[in-house]
Amino acid sequence: MKPFCFAGDRILESQLASLHPLDIGLIRGYAIFDFFRTVNSTPLFLEDYLNRFIRSAVSARLPLLYDKVSLKSIIKELIEKNQLLNGGIRMVLSGGISENFFSPAEGKLFIFCEPLKLPGPDKYASGVKLASVDYVRPISEIKTTNYTLPVLLSTDWQVQGVEDVLYHHQGIVSESSRSNVFMVKDGQISTPEKHILKGITRQKVMDLIQATTVRDISLEEILQADEVFITSTTKRILPITSIDNALIGNGKPGPITEELMGKFERFEAASIA
C-alpha cells in the first residue's frame, strides 16, 4: 500500500486509516469496491470504473457522498501524492454502522493506491489452469467485497497448480472469482450471460471482437472448447489451457486468444496516448 490514502473525508497517511469495528462492512461482510489500473500515472478507463462504482453503491443501497467529479479530483491528488506510475487504485465503500447492526447505513469511503503485479510472461505464453467449483456468487451484478469462498479455496491453489476457479451451477458456467470467461469454438467467441459481474475489460474485449455471442454456456461445452480465456483489470486477457484435468484444445494458447491479447495491449496504449 502506498503512503497516502483517502479515508472518510480527507487524504491522510494510509497507516492512520481506520474502520469502526461495528461497521457492517466488517461484522457482516457488506461493502462494495472497485479497482482499476494506472499506466504512466493515467487511470485506465476511469470513467467506466467510476460509473460501475456509483451503480454498485445505488444497487447496494449505500449512500455515496461524492459525485464523479469529486472522485476524479481525489484520485488525481492521490496519484500525485503517491507518485503512482504503474499501479492499482482500490475504492471501497463500507456498509456503515446501523442501529440494528445489520441493515445498510451511511458507510465510509476509502481510496487506496497499491503496487500492482500482472501475471508473468510465462503465464501469457503457456496459459494457466482453472478448477471448476459449483457456486453462484451472491448478487453477482454488484462488485461486493464477498470473496469468502475463493479466498478459502486459494490456500490450496499453489499445490494444485491452479490460477483461479471457474464457477458453474446446474451445469451452466458463469465466471471466475475475479475474471470473466470467454470460449472459442469453430471460430465463434462466446461468453456467459447470467450470474456475472459485467467486467470493464470484458466489455472492452467484446467491443474489439464485435461479434461475441452472449449466452448460457455449459461446463461440458467449455471443456470441449478450442480455446478459453479470462479477462480482468489485473489480467487483461489470460489464456486458459486446462480446466480441472482436461486440456483445452491442444493445451496451448490458441491463435484467436493470442491475436486478441495483442489487440488489447494496443488498445490500452491508444487509450492513454
Foldseek 3Di string as FASTA:
>chain_A
DFQWKDKFHDIDGPVPHDFPCLFCCNVVVWKAKFKFKAAQLHTFPLVVRLVQQVVLCVVSVEDDPDDPVRVVVRSSVVCVVRVDHIWMKMKMWTQGRDPVSDHRDHTMIMIDTGHADADDPVQQFQPAEAEEDADFDPPQQTRGSPPVVFVVVVVCCVVVRHDWYWYDHPQWTAATSAWFKWFAAPRAIEGEDPRHHCAPLNVVLCVVVVHYHYYTDGPVRRLATLWMWIDHNRHNTTTHQYYDHGGRRVSGHDPVSVVSSVVRVVVRVVSVD
